[in-house]
Amino acid sequence: MRLPCPFCGDRDASEFVYRGDAAPVRPATSEGFYDYVYLRENPAGPMREHWYHAQGCRNWLVVTRDTRTHEVFGAVLARGAAQ
């Protein structure tokens, strides 16, 4: 699988570290923290994911990818991605 890095261009997925779903937002208080850590959806289809370009520019990206086919629709820098 190849991922599009905004700085480095299309790169092999082995250069990246996968963090997971980009949708969950850490709760401000301890209430709801259990759900945030342990109870996650596992959708089939397009979703936004966090990836770290460890072997390249060392930026966090939000990649939109279909979990069924691994088709990648695009990537943006995580700091500029609207949740």
C-alpha atoms as a PDB file:
ATOM      1  CA  MET A   1       0.000   0.000   0.000  1.00  0.00           C
ATOM      2  CA  ARG A   2       1.244   3.486  -0.788  1.00  0.00           C
ATOM      3  CA  LEU A   3       0.364   6.594   1.202  1.00  0.00           C
ATOM      4  CA  PRO A   4       0.444  10.158  -0.161  1.00  0.00           C
ATOM      5  CA  CYS A   5       2.605  12.370   2.056  1.00  0.00           C
ATOM      6  CA  PRO A   6       2.048  16.119   1.432  1.00  0.00           C
ATOM      7  CA  PHE A   7       5.819  16.719   1.712  1.00  0.00           C
ATOM      8  CA  CYS A   8       7.404  13.526   0.380  1.00  0.00           C
ATOM      9  CA  GLY A   9       4.885  12.353  -2.233  1.00  0.00           C
ATOM     10  CA  ASP A  10       3.639   8.765  -2.547  1.00  0.00           C
ATOM     11  CA  ARG A  11       5.575   6.518  -0.163  1.00  0.00           C
ATOM     12  CA  ASP A  12       5.403   2.869   0.868  1.00  0.00           C
ATOM     13  CA  ALA A  13       3.294   2.195   3.983  1.00  0.00           C
ATOM     14  CA  SER A  14       6.325   0.593   5.679  1.00  0.00           C
ATOM     15  CA  GLU A  15       7.707   4.127   6.205  1.00  0.00           C
ATOM     16  CA  PHE A  16       4.716   5.016   8.391  1.00  0.00           C
ATOM     17  CA  VAL A  17       3.453   4.106  11.849  1.00  0.00           C
ATOM     18  CA  TYR A  18      -0.308   3.542  12.168  1.00  0.00           C
ATOM     19  CA  ARG A  19      -2.040   5.141  15.169  1.00  0.00           C
ATOM     20  CA  GLY A  20      -5.687   4.429  14.402  1.00  0.00           C
ATOM     21  CA  ASP A  21      -9.006   6.156  13.878  1.00  0.00           C
ATOM     22  CA  ALA A  22      -8.683   9.949  13.741  1.00  0.00           C
ATOM     23  CA  ALA A  23     -12.260  10.598  14.900  1.00  0.00           C
ATOM     24  CA  PRO A  24     -12.142   9.969  18.689  1.00  0.00           C
ATOM     25  CA  VAL A  25     -11.386  13.044  20.780  1.00  0.00           C
ATOM     26  CA  ARG A  26      -9.777  12.575  24.212  1.00  0.00           C
ATOM     27  CA  PRO A  27     -12.246  13.562  26.961  1.00  0.00           C
ATOM     28  CA  ALA A  28     -11.337  16.581  29.094  1.00  0.00           C
ATOM     29  CA  THR A  29     -12.311  14.776  32.318  1.00  0.00           C
ATOM     30  CA  SER A  30     -11.887  11.228  33.610  1.00  0.00           C
ATOM     31  CA  GLU A  31     -15.540  10.480  32.855  1.00  0.00           C
ATOM     32  CA  GLY A  32     -15.766   8.766  29.520  1.00  0.00           C
ATOM     33  CA  PHE A  33     -12.054   7.911  29.471  1.00  0.00           C
ATOM     34  CA  TYR A  34     -12.744   4.155  29.646  1.00  0.00           C
ATOM     35  CA  ASP A  35     -14.964   4.402  26.566  1.00  0.00           C
ATOM     36  CA  TYR A  36     -12.338   6.522  24.768  1.00  0.00           C
ATOM     37  CA  VAL A  37      -9.576   3.967  25.399  1.00  0.00           C
ATOM     38  CA  TYR A  38     -11.367   0.624  25.141  1.00  0.00           C
ATOM     39  CA  LEU A  39     -14.640   1.010  23.235  1.00  0.00           C
ATOM     40  CA  ARG A  40     -13.992   1.850  19.612  1.00  0.00           C
ATOM     41  CA  GLU A  41     -16.030   1.402  16.478  1.00  0.00           C
ATOM     42  CA  ASN A  42     -14.591  -0.855  13.790  1.00  0.00           C
ATOM     43  CA  PRO A  43     -16.311   0.429  10.645  1.00  0.00           C
ATOM     44  CA  ALA A  44     -15.947  -1.177   7.249  1.00  0.00           C
ATOM     45  CA  GLY A  45     -15.445   1.386   4.536  1.00  0.00           C
ATOM     46  CA  PRO A  46     -13.924   4.844   4.237  1.00  0.00           C
ATOM     47  CA  MET A  47     -12.498   6.329   7.415  1.00  0.00           C
ATOM     48  CA  ARG A  48      -9.942   8.895   8.544  1.00  0.00           C
ATOM     49  CA  GLU A  49      -6.835   7.499  10.245  1.00  0.00           C
ATOM     50  CA  HIS A  50      -3.734   8.931  11.916  1.00  0.00           C
ATOM     51  CA  TRP A  51      -0.397   7.890  10.392  1.00  0.00           C
ATOM     52  CA  TYR A  52       3.090   9.066  11.438  1.00  0.00           C
ATOM     53  CA  HIS A  53       5.737   9.362   8.698  1.00  0.00           C
ATOM     54  CA  ALA A  54       8.558   7.935  10.832  1.00  0.00           C
ATOM     55  CA  GLN A  55      10.968   7.194   7.979  1.00  0.00           C
ATOM     56  CA  GLY A  56      10.385  10.478   6.169  1.00  0.00           C
ATOM     57  CA  CYS A  57       9.373  13.996   7.162  1.00  0.00           C
ATOM     58  CA  ARG A  58       8.218  12.912  10.659  1.00  0.00           C
ATOM     59  CA  ASN A  59       4.836  14.571  10.368  1.00  0.00           C
ATOM     60  CA  TRP A  60       1.490  13.234  11.558  1.00  0.00           C
ATOM     61  CA  LEU A  61      -1.016  12.793   8.743  1.00  0.00           C
ATOM     62  CA  VAL A  62      -4.738  12.178   8.540  1.00  0.00           C
ATOM     63  CA  VAL A  63      -5.217   9.646   5.756  1.00  0.00           C
ATOM     64  CA  THR A  64      -8.649   8.850   4.311  1.00  0.00           C
ATOM     65  CA  ARG A  65      -8.663   5.146   3.450  1.00  0.00           C
ATOM     66  CA  ASP A  66     -11.232   2.433   2.708  1.00  0.00           C
ATOM     67  CA  THR A  67     -10.695  -0.349   5.271  1.00  0.00           C
ATOM     68  CA  ARG A  68     -12.218  -2.956   2.944  1.00  0.00           C
ATOM     69  CA  THR A  69     -10.075  -2.346  -0.134  1.00  0.00           C
ATOM     70  CA  HIS A  70      -7.160  -0.287   1.293  1.00  0.00           C
ATOM     71  CA  GLU A  71      -7.829   2.326  -1.386  1.00  0.00           C
ATOM     72  CA  VAL A  72      -6.358   5.644  -0.237  1.00  0.00           C
ATOM     73  CA  PHE A  73      -8.347   8.779  -1.087  1.00  0.00           C
ATOM     74  CA  GLY A  74      -5.883  11.376   0.205  1.00  0.00           C
ATOM     75  CA  ALA A  75      -3.876  12.714   3.113  1.00  0.00           C
ATOM     76  CA  VAL A  76      -3.453  16.032   4.911  1.00  0.00           C
ATOM     77  CA  LEU A  77      -1.250  17.179   7.751  1.00  0.00           C
ATOM     78  CA  ALA A  78      -2.910  16.331  11.063  1.00  0.00           C
ATOM     79  CA  ARG A  79      -2.341  19.803  12.517  1.00  0.00           C
ATOM     80  CA  GLY A  80      -4.375  21.295   9.666  1.00  0.00           C
ATOM     81  CA  ALA A  81      -7.132  18.675   9.560  1.00  0.00           C
ATOM     82  CA  ALA A  82     -10.538  19.711  10.847  1.00  0.00           C
ATOM     83  CA  GLN A  83     -12.122  17.073  13.061  1.00  0.00           C
END
